[in-house]
Amino acid sequence: MPRYPGWVVKLGGSLGDSPWLASWLSALAQPGARCIVVPGGGRFADAVRGAQEGWNLSEDAAHAMALLAMAQYGLALQSRAPGVVLAAGLEALEQGEHTAPRLWLPTLADQHALDADQLPRDWSLSSDSLALWLANRLQADALLLVKPFDHPGIRDCTPGQLREFASRGVLDACFPRLTPSCPVHVLAARDGPHDLAFLDSSPPPRGR
């Protein structure tokens, strides 16, 4: 597909009960917001973890269920931000227009593309790495990962900073294995979306 002229923005499932989620959703749903939202799994992914342990499910089954958990959380987010257009599956996302902010709902059919790029089918991979993979695939301007942590985030992270985030559990274990093709920002949800470049029509700054 042609290069995507906007940002990929990951909203984690841990933000589901956050007091800052509403402001992020309001910003992302603006008609001029140049962004694709990647949802986390949240309590839906937690249910998959519990089912895998209780029922002794395979990694493949749990991974597929976790993708669908992301879609469930995505539907919940969109219900609170109807200005964001749903894109059910990678094909719909890649073929869609860039005229409105969109939200990726992963489907089982998307697994073919993930397998082609040799992404693992286990819990080392979460929506963090999937957001990076999507940003690389779409040649997006930037990737933004919104986190509920208390300390200040970092814009245009270096590889060393991304490895540090992964070692502390802020990012998943798979993340450092992928090479970003665009700037990666890891920001605290409390800092808000107020001055981020996807909210306007000007090109975002590129740090590398």
N, C-alpha and C. Protein backbone atom coordinates (compact mmCIF):
# COMPACT_ATOMS: atom_id res chain seq x y z
N MET A 1 0.85 -1.19 0.00
CA MET A 1 0.00 0.00 0.00
C MET A 1 0.88 1.24 0.00
N PRO A 2 0.34 2.41 -0.40
CA PRO A 2 1.11 3.65 -0.34
C PRO A 2 1.47 3.97 1.12
N ARG A 3 2.53 4.73 1.28
CA ARG A 3 2.95 5.14 2.61
C ARG A 3 1.83 5.86 3.34
N TYR A 4 1.62 5.48 4.64
CA TYR A 4 0.55 6.10 5.42
C TYR A 4 1.02 7.44 5.99
N PRO A 5 0.37 8.54 5.65
CA PRO A 5 0.82 9.86 6.09
C PRO A 5 0.25 10.24 7.46
N GLY A 6 0.54 9.45 8.45
CA GLY A 6 0.03 9.73 9.78
C GLY A 6 0.73 8.87 10.81
N TRP A 7 0.19 8.86 12.01
CA TRP A 7 0.77 8.15 13.14
C TRP A 7 -0.01 6.89 13.45
N VAL A 8 0.68 5.87 13.93
CA VAL A 8 0.04 4.71 14.56
C VAL A 8 0.09 4.97 16.06
N VAL A 9 -1.06 4.87 16.72
CA VAL A 9 -1.19 5.18 18.15
C VAL A 9 -1.74 3.96 18.88
N LYS A 10 -0.97 3.44 19.81
CA LYS A 10 -1.41 2.27 20.58
C LYS A 10 -1.96 2.71 21.92
N LEU A 11 -3.21 2.34 22.19
CA LEU A 11 -3.84 2.59 23.49
C LEU A 11 -3.98 1.25 24.21
N GLY A 12 -3.21 1.07 25.26
CA GLY A 12 -3.19 -0.21 25.95
C GLY A 12 -4.47 -0.51 26.72
N GLY A 13 -4.70 -1.79 26.92
CA GLY A 13 -5.87 -2.21 27.68
C GLY A 13 -5.83 -1.74 29.12
N SER A 14 -4.63 -1.49 29.65
CA SER A 14 -4.52 -1.02 31.03
C SER A 14 -5.06 0.40 31.20
N LEU A 15 -5.34 1.09 30.10
CA LEU A 15 -5.92 2.43 30.17
C LEU A 15 -7.45 2.38 30.29
N GLY A 16 -8.02 1.18 30.29
CA GLY A 16 -9.48 1.06 30.28
C GLY A 16 -10.17 1.78 31.41
N ASP A 17 -9.57 1.78 32.58
CA ASP A 17 -10.15 2.46 33.75
C ASP A 17 -9.40 3.74 34.10
N SER A 18 -8.58 4.21 33.19
CA SER A 18 -7.77 5.39 33.45
C SER A 18 -8.59 6.68 33.35
N PRO A 19 -8.33 7.65 34.22
CA PRO A 19 -9.02 8.94 34.11
C PRO A 19 -8.59 9.74 32.90
N TRP A 20 -7.49 9.32 32.24
CA TRP A 20 -6.98 10.06 31.09
C TRP A 20 -7.47 9.50 29.75
N LEU A 21 -8.13 8.36 29.79
CA LEU A 21 -8.54 7.74 28.52
C LEU A 21 -9.49 8.64 27.73
N ALA A 22 -10.42 9.29 28.40
CA ALA A 22 -11.41 10.11 27.69
C ALA A 22 -10.75 11.21 26.88
N SER A 23 -9.73 11.85 27.43
CA SER A 23 -9.08 12.94 26.68
C SER A 23 -8.34 12.41 25.47
N TRP A 24 -7.73 11.24 25.60
CA TRP A 24 -7.06 10.64 24.45
C TRP A 24 -8.06 10.26 23.37
N LEU A 25 -9.15 9.66 23.76
CA LEU A 25 -10.16 9.26 22.76
C LEU A 25 -10.75 10.48 22.07
N SER A 26 -10.98 11.54 22.81
CA SER A 26 -11.52 12.76 22.22
C SER A 26 -10.57 13.32 21.17
N ALA A 27 -9.27 13.32 21.48
CA ALA A 27 -8.28 13.83 20.53
C ALA A 27 -8.18 12.93 19.30
N LEU A 28 -8.16 11.62 19.52
CA LEU A 28 -8.01 10.69 18.41
C LEU A 28 -9.21 10.70 17.48
N ALA A 29 -10.38 11.05 18.01
CA ALA A 29 -11.60 11.03 17.20
C ALA A 29 -11.84 12.32 16.44
N GLN A 30 -10.97 13.30 16.56
CA GLN A 30 -11.14 14.54 15.81
C GLN A 30 -11.09 14.26 14.31
N PRO A 31 -11.93 14.89 13.50
CA PRO A 31 -11.95 14.62 12.07
C PRO A 31 -10.60 14.79 11.39
N GLY A 32 -9.78 15.71 11.85
CA GLY A 32 -8.49 15.95 11.21
C GLY A 32 -7.34 15.13 11.76
N ALA A 33 -7.61 14.25 12.73
CA ALA A 33 -6.52 13.48 13.33
C ALA A 33 -6.01 12.44 12.34
N ARG A 34 -4.72 12.51 12.04
CA ARG A 34 -4.10 11.59 11.08
C ARG A 34 -3.50 10.42 11.85
N CYS A 35 -4.36 9.45 12.20
CA CYS A 35 -3.87 8.36 13.04
C CYS A 35 -4.63 7.07 12.80
N ILE A 36 -3.94 5.98 13.12
CA ILE A 36 -4.55 4.66 13.18
C ILE A 36 -4.36 4.17 14.60
N VAL A 37 -5.44 3.82 15.26
CA VAL A 37 -5.40 3.38 16.65
C VAL A 37 -5.25 1.86 16.70
N VAL A 38 -4.30 1.40 17.49
CA VAL A 38 -4.13 -0.03 17.75
C VAL A 38 -4.56 -0.28 19.20
N PRO A 39 -5.58 -1.10 19.43
CA PRO A 39 -6.04 -1.34 20.80
C PRO A 39 -5.22 -2.41 21.49
N GLY A 40 -5.11 -2.30 22.81
CA GLY A 40 -4.55 -3.38 23.60
C GLY A 40 -5.59 -4.48 23.79
N GLY A 41 -5.34 -5.33 24.75
CA GLY A 41 -6.28 -6.41 25.03
C GLY A 41 -7.03 -6.24 26.34
N GLY A 42 -6.38 -5.61 27.32
CA GLY A 42 -7.03 -5.31 28.58
C GLY A 42 -7.60 -6.53 29.27
N ARG A 43 -8.76 -6.35 29.86
CA ARG A 43 -9.39 -7.42 30.62
C ARG A 43 -9.79 -8.59 29.72
N PHE A 44 -9.94 -8.32 28.43
CA PHE A 44 -10.27 -9.41 27.50
C PHE A 44 -9.07 -10.33 27.32
N ALA A 45 -7.86 -9.74 27.23
CA ALA A 45 -6.65 -10.55 27.16
C ALA A 45 -6.40 -11.27 28.48
N ASP A 46 -6.73 -10.62 29.60
CA ASP A 46 -6.59 -11.29 30.90
C ASP A 46 -7.46 -12.53 30.96
N ALA A 47 -8.65 -12.46 30.37
CA ALA A 47 -9.53 -13.63 30.35
C ALA A 47 -8.91 -14.76 29.52
N VAL A 48 -8.21 -14.39 28.45
CA VAL A 48 -7.53 -15.41 27.64
C VAL A 48 -6.42 -16.08 28.45
N ARG A 49 -5.64 -15.29 29.18
CA ARG A 49 -4.58 -15.86 30.01
C ARG A 49 -5.16 -16.84 31.02
N GLY A 50 -6.27 -16.45 31.64
CA GLY A 50 -6.90 -17.34 32.61
C GLY A 50 -7.42 -18.61 31.97
N ALA A 51 -8.00 -18.49 30.78
CA ALA A 51 -8.51 -19.66 30.08
C ALA A 51 -7.37 -20.58 29.66
N GLN A 52 -6.25 -20.00 29.22
CA GLN A 52 -5.12 -20.84 28.82
C GLN A 52 -4.60 -21.65 30.00
N GLU A 53 -4.49 -21.01 31.15
CA GLU A 53 -3.99 -21.71 32.33
C GLU A 53 -5.00 -22.75 32.84
N GLY A 54 -6.27 -22.37 32.86
CA GLY A 54 -7.28 -23.27 33.40
C GLY A 54 -7.61 -24.44 32.50
N TRP A 55 -7.53 -24.21 31.19
CA TRP A 55 -7.91 -25.25 30.23
C TRP A 55 -6.72 -25.86 29.50
N ASN A 56 -5.51 -25.42 29.86
CA ASN A 56 -4.30 -25.95 29.24
C ASN A 56 -4.32 -25.77 27.73
N LEU A 57 -4.62 -24.54 27.29
CA LEU A 57 -4.70 -24.25 25.86
C LEU A 57 -3.30 -24.14 25.27
N SER A 58 -3.17 -24.42 23.98
CA SER A 58 -1.90 -24.28 23.29
C SER A 58 -1.56 -22.81 23.10
N GLU A 59 -0.27 -22.53 22.84
CA GLU A 59 0.16 -21.16 22.57
C GLU A 59 -0.53 -20.61 21.33
N ASP A 60 -0.70 -21.45 20.31
CA ASP A 60 -1.36 -21.00 19.08
C ASP A 60 -2.79 -20.57 19.35
N ALA A 61 -3.50 -21.37 20.14
CA ALA A 61 -4.89 -21.03 20.45
C ALA A 61 -4.98 -19.76 21.26
N ALA A 62 -4.11 -19.65 22.28
CA ALA A 62 -4.14 -18.45 23.12
C ALA A 62 -3.76 -17.20 22.32
N HIS A 63 -2.81 -17.35 21.41
CA HIS A 63 -2.41 -16.21 20.59
C HIS A 63 -3.57 -15.74 19.71
N ALA A 64 -4.26 -16.66 19.08
CA ALA A 64 -5.41 -16.30 18.25
C ALA A 64 -6.49 -15.64 19.08
N MET A 65 -6.74 -16.17 20.26
CA MET A 65 -7.74 -15.58 21.15
C MET A 65 -7.33 -14.19 21.60
N ALA A 66 -6.02 -13.98 21.80
CA ALA A 66 -5.54 -12.67 22.22
C ALA A 66 -5.73 -11.62 21.11
N LEU A 67 -5.56 -12.02 19.86
CA LEU A 67 -5.85 -11.11 18.75
C LEU A 67 -7.31 -10.68 18.78
N LEU A 68 -8.19 -11.63 19.03
CA LEU A 68 -9.62 -11.31 19.09
C LEU A 68 -9.94 -10.48 20.33
N ALA A 69 -9.15 -10.66 21.40
CA ALA A 69 -9.32 -9.81 22.59
C ALA A 69 -9.02 -8.36 22.25
N MET A 70 -8.01 -8.13 21.42
CA MET A 70 -7.72 -6.77 20.97
C MET A 70 -8.91 -6.19 20.21
N ALA A 71 -9.52 -7.01 19.37
CA ALA A 71 -10.68 -6.53 18.62
C ALA A 71 -11.83 -6.18 19.56
N GLN A 72 -12.01 -6.96 20.61
CA GLN A 72 -13.07 -6.66 21.58
C GLN A 72 -12.81 -5.33 22.28
N TYR A 73 -11.57 -5.13 22.71
CA TYR A 73 -11.25 -3.87 23.37
C TYR A 73 -11.37 -2.71 22.38
N GLY A 74 -11.01 -2.95 21.13
CA GLY A 74 -11.17 -1.93 20.11
C GLY A 74 -12.62 -1.51 19.93
N LEU A 75 -13.52 -2.46 19.94
CA LEU A 75 -14.94 -2.14 19.84
C LEU A 75 -15.40 -1.30 21.03
N ALA A 76 -14.88 -1.62 22.21
CA ALA A 76 -15.22 -0.84 23.39
C ALA A 76 -14.71 0.59 23.27
N LEU A 77 -13.48 0.75 22.76
CA LEU A 77 -12.94 2.10 22.57
C LEU A 77 -13.77 2.89 21.56
N GLN A 78 -14.11 2.26 20.45
CA GLN A 78 -14.84 2.98 19.41
C GLN A 78 -16.23 3.38 19.88
N SER A 79 -16.81 2.61 20.77
CA SER A 79 -18.13 2.98 21.29
C SER A 79 -18.07 4.27 22.09
N ARG A 80 -16.88 4.60 22.60
CA ARG A 80 -16.68 5.84 23.34
C ARG A 80 -16.12 6.95 22.46
N ALA A 81 -15.73 6.59 21.25
CA ALA A 81 -15.16 7.58 20.31
C ALA A 81 -15.68 7.27 18.91
N PRO A 82 -16.98 7.50 18.67
CA PRO A 82 -17.57 7.12 17.38
C PRO A 82 -16.99 7.83 16.18
N GLY A 83 -16.21 8.87 16.38
CA GLY A 83 -15.56 9.54 15.25
C GLY A 83 -14.44 8.74 14.65
N VAL A 84 -14.00 7.69 15.34
CA VAL A 84 -12.95 6.81 14.82
C VAL A 84 -13.62 5.69 14.02
N VAL A 85 -13.15 5.48 12.80
CA VAL A 85 -13.75 4.50 11.89
C VAL A 85 -13.13 3.13 12.13
N LEU A 86 -13.95 2.10 12.25
CA LEU A 86 -13.45 0.75 12.45
C LEU A 86 -12.90 0.18 11.14
N ALA A 87 -11.78 -0.51 11.25
CA ALA A 87 -11.19 -1.24 10.12
C ALA A 87 -11.03 -2.68 10.55
N ALA A 88 -11.93 -3.54 10.12
CA ALA A 88 -11.92 -4.94 10.53
C ALA A 88 -10.93 -5.71 9.67
N GLY A 89 -9.74 -5.92 10.19
CA GLY A 89 -8.73 -6.67 9.47
C GLY A 89 -7.74 -5.78 8.76
N LEU A 90 -6.57 -6.36 8.53
CA LEU A 90 -5.47 -5.62 7.91
C LEU A 90 -5.83 -5.16 6.50
N GLU A 91 -6.51 -5.99 5.75
CA GLU A 91 -6.85 -5.62 4.37
C GLU A 91 -7.73 -4.39 4.34
N ALA A 92 -8.72 -4.32 5.22
CA ALA A 92 -9.59 -3.15 5.27
C ALA A 92 -8.81 -1.91 5.67
N LEU A 93 -7.83 -2.09 6.55
CA LEU A 93 -7.02 -0.96 6.99
C LEU A 93 -6.13 -0.45 5.86
N GLU A 94 -5.53 -1.35 5.13
CA GLU A 94 -4.60 -0.96 4.07
C GLU A 94 -5.32 -0.37 2.86
N GLN A 95 -6.54 -0.79 2.62
CA GLN A 95 -7.26 -0.31 1.45
C GLN A 95 -8.16 0.88 1.74
N GLY A 96 -8.28 1.24 3.02
CA GLY A 96 -9.17 2.33 3.39
C GLY A 96 -8.62 3.69 3.02
N GLU A 97 -9.49 4.67 3.10
CA GLU A 97 -9.10 6.05 2.82
C GLU A 97 -8.40 6.65 4.05
N HIS A 98 -7.65 7.72 3.82
CA HIS A 98 -6.94 8.40 4.90
C HIS A 98 -7.70 9.64 5.36
N THR A 99 -8.99 9.69 5.14
CA THR A 99 -9.75 10.90 5.41
C THR A 99 -10.28 10.97 6.84
N ALA A 100 -10.14 9.91 7.64
CA ALA A 100 -10.64 9.90 9.00
C ALA A 100 -9.74 9.03 9.86
N PRO A 101 -9.68 9.31 11.16
CA PRO A 101 -8.93 8.41 12.05
C PRO A 101 -9.59 7.03 12.05
N ARG A 102 -8.75 5.98 12.11
CA ARG A 102 -9.27 4.62 12.04
C ARG A 102 -8.75 3.78 13.19
N LEU A 103 -9.43 2.69 13.45
CA LEU A 103 -9.07 1.79 14.54
C LEU A 103 -9.00 0.37 14.00
N TRP A 104 -7.84 -0.25 14.17
CA TRP A 104 -7.61 -1.60 13.65
C TRP A 104 -8.23 -2.64 14.58
N LEU A 105 -9.13 -3.46 14.01
CA LEU A 105 -9.66 -4.62 14.71
C LEU A 105 -8.99 -5.85 14.12
N PRO A 106 -7.99 -6.44 14.78
CA PRO A 106 -7.32 -7.62 14.22
C PRO A 106 -8.30 -8.77 14.01
N THR A 107 -8.09 -9.52 12.95
CA THR A 107 -8.88 -10.72 12.67
C THR A 107 -7.93 -11.90 12.54
N LEU A 108 -8.50 -13.11 12.54
CA LEU A 108 -7.67 -14.30 12.39
C LEU A 108 -7.00 -14.34 11.03
N ALA A 109 -7.62 -13.72 10.02
CA ALA A 109 -7.01 -13.67 8.69
C ALA A 109 -5.71 -12.88 8.69
N ASP A 110 -5.55 -11.96 9.64
CA ASP A 110 -4.33 -11.16 9.71
C ASP A 110 -3.12 -12.00 10.12
N GLN A 111 -3.37 -13.19 10.66
CA GLN A 111 -2.28 -14.03 11.11
C GLN A 111 -1.33 -14.41 9.97
N HIS A 112 -1.85 -14.51 8.76
CA HIS A 112 -1.00 -14.85 7.61
C HIS A 112 0.12 -13.83 7.44
N ALA A 113 -0.22 -12.55 7.57
CA ALA A 113 0.80 -11.49 7.43
C ALA A 113 1.78 -11.51 8.60
N LEU A 114 1.29 -11.80 9.80
CA LEU A 114 2.17 -11.88 10.96
C LEU A 114 3.14 -13.06 10.82
N ASP A 115 2.62 -14.18 10.34
CA ASP A 115 3.49 -15.35 10.15
C ASP A 115 4.53 -15.09 9.07
N ALA A 116 4.15 -14.36 8.02
CA ALA A 116 5.08 -14.08 6.93
C ALA A 116 6.29 -13.28 7.43
N ASP A 117 6.07 -12.47 8.46
CA ASP A 117 7.16 -11.69 9.04
C ASP A 117 7.75 -12.36 10.28
N GLN A 118 7.36 -13.60 10.50
CA GLN A 118 7.95 -14.44 11.55
C GLN A 118 7.77 -13.87 12.95
N LEU A 119 6.62 -13.26 13.21
CA LEU A 119 6.32 -12.82 14.56
C LEU A 119 5.91 -14.02 15.41
N PRO A 120 6.32 -14.07 16.67
CA PRO A 120 6.02 -15.23 17.51
C PRO A 120 4.54 -15.35 17.84
N ARG A 121 4.12 -16.57 18.08
CA ARG A 121 2.75 -16.82 18.51
C ARG A 121 2.77 -17.17 20.00
N ASP A 122 3.16 -16.24 20.83
CA ASP A 122 3.17 -16.46 22.27
C ASP A 122 3.06 -15.11 22.98
N TRP A 123 3.14 -15.14 24.31
CA TRP A 123 2.90 -13.93 25.09
C TRP A 123 4.09 -12.98 25.09
N SER A 124 5.21 -13.35 24.44
CA SER A 124 6.28 -12.36 24.29
C SER A 124 5.86 -11.23 23.37
N LEU A 125 4.85 -11.48 22.56
CA LEU A 125 4.31 -10.49 21.62
C LEU A 125 2.99 -9.97 22.15
N SER A 126 2.87 -8.67 22.27
CA SER A 126 1.62 -8.04 22.68
C SER A 126 1.25 -6.98 21.66
N SER A 127 0.26 -6.18 22.00
CA SER A 127 -0.16 -5.11 21.09
C SER A 127 0.93 -4.05 20.91
N ASP A 128 1.91 -3.98 21.84
CA ASP A 128 3.04 -3.07 21.64
C ASP A 128 3.78 -3.42 20.35
N SER A 129 4.23 -4.68 20.26
CA SER A 129 4.98 -5.11 19.08
C SER A 129 4.10 -5.12 17.84
N LEU A 130 2.83 -5.45 17.99
CA LEU A 130 1.93 -5.42 16.84
C LEU A 130 1.77 -4.00 16.31
N ALA A 131 1.75 -3.03 17.20
CA ALA A 131 1.67 -1.63 16.76
C ALA A 131 2.93 -1.23 16.00
N LEU A 132 4.09 -1.66 16.49
CA LEU A 132 5.34 -1.36 15.78
C LEU A 132 5.37 -2.07 14.43
N TRP A 133 4.97 -3.32 14.41
CA TRP A 133 4.91 -4.06 13.15
C TRP A 133 4.00 -3.35 12.15
N LEU A 134 2.85 -2.88 12.61
CA LEU A 134 1.91 -2.19 11.72
C LEU A 134 2.49 -0.88 11.23
N ALA A 135 3.12 -0.11 12.12
CA ALA A 135 3.73 1.15 11.71
C ALA A 135 4.80 0.92 10.65
N ASN A 136 5.60 -0.14 10.81
CA ASN A 136 6.61 -0.47 9.81
C ASN A 136 5.95 -0.87 8.49
N ARG A 137 4.95 -1.69 8.57
CA ARG A 137 4.28 -2.19 7.35
C ARG A 137 3.64 -1.06 6.56
N LEU A 138 3.02 -0.11 7.26
CA LEU A 138 2.32 0.99 6.60
C LEU A 138 3.25 2.16 6.28
N GLN A 139 4.51 2.07 6.72
CA GLN A 139 5.46 3.18 6.56
C GLN A 139 4.88 4.47 7.16
N ALA A 140 4.40 4.35 8.38
CA ALA A 140 3.78 5.48 9.06
C ALA A 140 4.82 6.53 9.43
N ASP A 141 4.35 7.74 9.71
CA ASP A 141 5.24 8.83 10.09
C ASP A 141 5.86 8.60 11.46
N ALA A 142 5.12 7.99 12.38
CA ALA A 142 5.61 7.78 13.73
C ALA A 142 4.74 6.75 14.43
N LEU A 143 5.29 6.19 15.50
CA LEU A 143 4.54 5.29 16.38
C LEU A 143 4.50 5.91 17.76
N LEU A 144 3.30 5.94 18.34
CA LEU A 144 3.11 6.46 19.69
C LEU A 144 2.50 5.36 20.56
N LEU A 145 3.17 5.04 21.65
CA LEU A 145 2.67 4.06 22.62
C LEU A 145 2.28 4.82 23.88
N VAL A 146 1.00 4.79 24.23
CA VAL A 146 0.48 5.52 25.38
C VAL A 146 0.42 4.58 26.57
N LYS A 147 1.11 4.92 27.64
CA LYS A 147 1.27 4.04 28.79
C LYS A 147 0.72 4.69 30.07
N PRO A 148 0.27 3.87 31.04
CA PRO A 148 -0.28 4.43 32.28
C PRO A 148 0.75 4.68 33.36
N PHE A 149 2.05 4.68 33.01
CA PHE A 149 3.06 4.83 34.06
C PHE A 149 3.11 6.27 34.58
N ASP A 150 3.79 6.43 35.73
CA ASP A 150 3.79 7.71 36.44
C ASP A 150 4.95 8.64 36.06
N HIS A 151 6.02 8.07 35.52
CA HIS A 151 7.17 8.93 35.20
C HIS A 151 7.04 9.51 33.79
N PRO A 152 7.77 10.56 33.47
CA PRO A 152 7.67 11.17 32.14
C PRO A 152 8.06 10.20 31.04
N GLY A 153 7.37 10.32 29.93
CA GLY A 153 7.69 9.48 28.78
C GLY A 153 8.86 10.05 27.99
N ILE A 154 9.17 9.39 26.89
CA ILE A 154 10.30 9.78 26.05
C ILE A 154 9.84 9.88 24.60
N ARG A 155 10.17 10.96 23.95
CA ARG A 155 9.87 11.11 22.54
C ARG A 155 11.09 10.70 21.71
N ASP A 156 10.83 10.11 20.56
CA ASP A 156 11.88 9.65 19.66
C ASP A 156 12.91 8.81 20.42
N CYS A 157 12.44 7.69 20.96
CA CYS A 157 13.28 6.82 21.79
C CYS A 157 14.45 6.25 20.98
N THR A 158 15.57 6.12 21.65
CA THR A 158 16.71 5.43 21.05
C THR A 158 16.51 3.92 21.21
N PRO A 159 17.24 3.10 20.44
CA PRO A 159 17.14 1.65 20.64
C PRO A 159 17.45 1.24 22.08
N GLY A 160 18.42 1.89 22.71
CA GLY A 160 18.75 1.57 24.09
C GLY A 160 17.60 1.87 25.04
N GLN A 161 16.91 2.97 24.82
CA GLN A 161 15.78 3.31 25.67
C GLN A 161 14.64 2.32 25.47
N LEU A 162 14.41 1.87 24.25
CA LEU A 162 13.37 0.88 24.00
C LEU A 162 13.71 -0.45 24.67
N ARG A 163 15.00 -0.84 24.63
CA ARG A 163 15.41 -2.06 25.33
C ARG A 163 15.20 -1.92 26.83
N GLU A 164 15.49 -0.75 27.36
CA GLU A 164 15.29 -0.52 28.79
C GLU A 164 13.82 -0.62 29.16
N PHE A 165 12.95 -0.02 28.34
CA PHE A 165 11.51 -0.13 28.59
C PHE A 165 11.07 -1.60 28.58
N ALA A 166 11.60 -2.37 27.64
CA ALA A 166 11.23 -3.78 27.56
C ALA A 166 11.72 -4.55 28.79
N SER A 167 12.92 -4.25 29.26
CA SER A 167 13.47 -4.95 30.42
C SER A 167 12.68 -4.65 31.68
N ARG A 168 12.02 -3.48 31.73
CA ARG A 168 11.22 -3.10 32.88
C ARG A 168 9.76 -3.52 32.74
N GLY A 169 9.41 -4.14 31.61
CA GLY A 169 8.04 -4.58 31.41
C GLY A 169 7.11 -3.50 30.92
N VAL A 170 7.64 -2.32 30.60
CA VAL A 170 6.80 -1.26 30.02
C VAL A 170 6.40 -1.64 28.59
N LEU A 171 7.33 -2.26 27.86
CA LEU A 171 7.08 -2.81 26.53
C LEU A 171 7.25 -4.32 26.59
N ASP A 172 6.67 -5.02 25.62
CA ASP A 172 6.77 -6.47 25.65
C ASP A 172 8.16 -6.95 25.23
N ALA A 173 8.41 -8.24 25.50
CA ALA A 173 9.75 -8.80 25.27
C ALA A 173 10.12 -8.86 23.81
N CYS A 174 9.15 -8.92 22.93
CA CYS A 174 9.42 -9.01 21.50
C CYS A 174 9.85 -7.67 20.90
N PHE A 175 9.48 -6.58 21.53
CA PHE A 175 9.65 -5.26 20.93
C PHE A 175 11.09 -4.97 20.50
N PRO A 176 12.10 -5.25 21.34
CA PRO A 176 13.48 -4.92 20.93
C PRO A 176 13.98 -5.75 19.75
N ARG A 177 13.29 -6.84 19.41
CA ARG A 177 13.72 -7.67 18.28
C ARG A 177 13.32 -7.04 16.94
N LEU A 178 12.40 -6.09 16.98
CA LEU A 178 11.93 -5.44 15.76
C LEU A 178 12.68 -4.13 15.56
N THR A 179 12.94 -3.79 14.33
CA THR A 179 13.65 -2.55 14.02
C THR A 179 12.67 -1.49 13.54
N PRO A 180 12.48 -0.41 14.29
CA PRO A 180 11.54 0.63 13.87
C PRO A 180 12.00 1.32 12.59
N SER A 181 11.06 1.61 11.72
CA SER A 181 11.36 2.37 10.51
C SER A 181 10.89 3.82 10.62
N CYS A 182 10.43 4.20 11.83
CA CYS A 182 9.95 5.56 12.08
C CYS A 182 10.25 5.90 13.54
N PRO A 183 10.16 7.16 13.92
CA PRO A 183 10.33 7.53 15.32
C PRO A 183 9.32 6.82 16.22
N VAL A 184 9.76 6.41 17.40
CA VAL A 184 8.90 5.75 18.38
C VAL A 184 8.84 6.62 19.63
N HIS A 185 7.63 6.99 20.03
CA HIS A 185 7.41 7.79 21.23
C HIS A 185 6.69 6.94 22.27
N VAL A 186 7.17 6.94 23.50
CA VAL A 186 6.52 6.24 24.61
C VAL A 186 6.14 7.31 25.63
N LEU A 187 4.85 7.59 25.75
CA LEU A 187 4.39 8.71 26.56
C LEU A 187 3.46 8.24 27.67
N ALA A 188 3.47 8.98 28.76
CA ALA A 188 2.55 8.72 29.87
C ALA A 188 1.17 9.25 29.51
N ALA A 189 0.16 8.47 29.79
CA ALA A 189 -1.22 8.87 29.47
C ALA A 189 -1.58 10.18 30.13
N ARG A 190 -1.06 10.40 31.33
CA ARG A 190 -1.41 11.61 32.08
C ARG A 190 -0.92 12.88 31.40
N ASP A 191 0.10 12.75 30.53
CA ASP A 191 0.65 13.94 29.86
C ASP A 191 -0.26 14.47 28.77
N GLY A 192 -1.21 13.65 28.34
CA GLY A 192 -2.20 14.11 27.37
C GLY A 192 -1.68 14.23 25.96
N PRO A 193 -2.61 14.34 25.01
CA PRO A 193 -2.25 14.38 23.58
C PRO A 193 -2.14 15.79 23.01
N HIS A 194 -2.03 16.79 23.85
CA HIS A 194 -2.32 18.16 23.44
C HIS A 194 -1.45 18.70 22.31
N ASP A 195 -0.17 18.36 22.27
CA ASP A 195 0.74 19.00 21.30
C ASP A 195 1.31 18.01 20.30
N LEU A 196 0.62 16.91 20.07
CA LEU A 196 1.15 15.88 19.19
C LEU A 196 0.78 16.14 17.73
N ALA A 197 1.69 15.78 16.83
CA ALA A 197 1.57 16.20 15.44
C ALA A 197 0.45 15.51 14.68
N PHE A 198 -0.05 14.37 15.16
CA PHE A 198 -1.12 13.73 14.40
C PHE A 198 -2.44 14.49 14.50
N LEU A 199 -2.48 15.49 15.37
CA LEU A 199 -3.72 16.24 15.56
C LEU A 199 -3.91 17.35 14.52
N ASP A 200 -2.91 17.58 13.67
CA ASP A 200 -3.04 18.62 12.66
C ASP A 200 -2.58 18.09 11.32
N SER A 201 -2.59 18.95 10.32
CA SER A 201 -2.29 18.50 8.96
C SER A 201 -0.83 18.68 8.58
N SER A 202 -0.02 19.22 9.49
CA SER A 202 1.41 19.41 9.16
C SER A 202 2.18 18.12 9.39
N PRO A 203 3.24 17.90 8.64
CA PRO A 203 4.02 16.67 8.80
C PRO A 203 4.67 16.62 10.19
N PRO A 204 4.63 15.47 10.87
CA PRO A 204 5.29 15.37 12.18
C PRO A 204 6.80 15.39 12.03
N PRO A 205 7.50 15.84 13.07
CA PRO A 205 8.96 15.86 13.00
C PRO A 205 9.52 14.45 12.97
N ARG A 206 10.58 14.26 12.24
CA ARG A 206 11.25 12.96 12.17
C ARG A 206 12.63 13.11 12.80
N GLY A 207 12.92 12.26 13.79
CA GLY A 207 14.14 12.41 14.55
C GLY A 207 15.27 11.55 14.05
N ARG A 208 15.04 10.71 13.07
CA ARG A 208 16.12 9.86 12.58
C ARG A 208 15.94 9.58 11.11
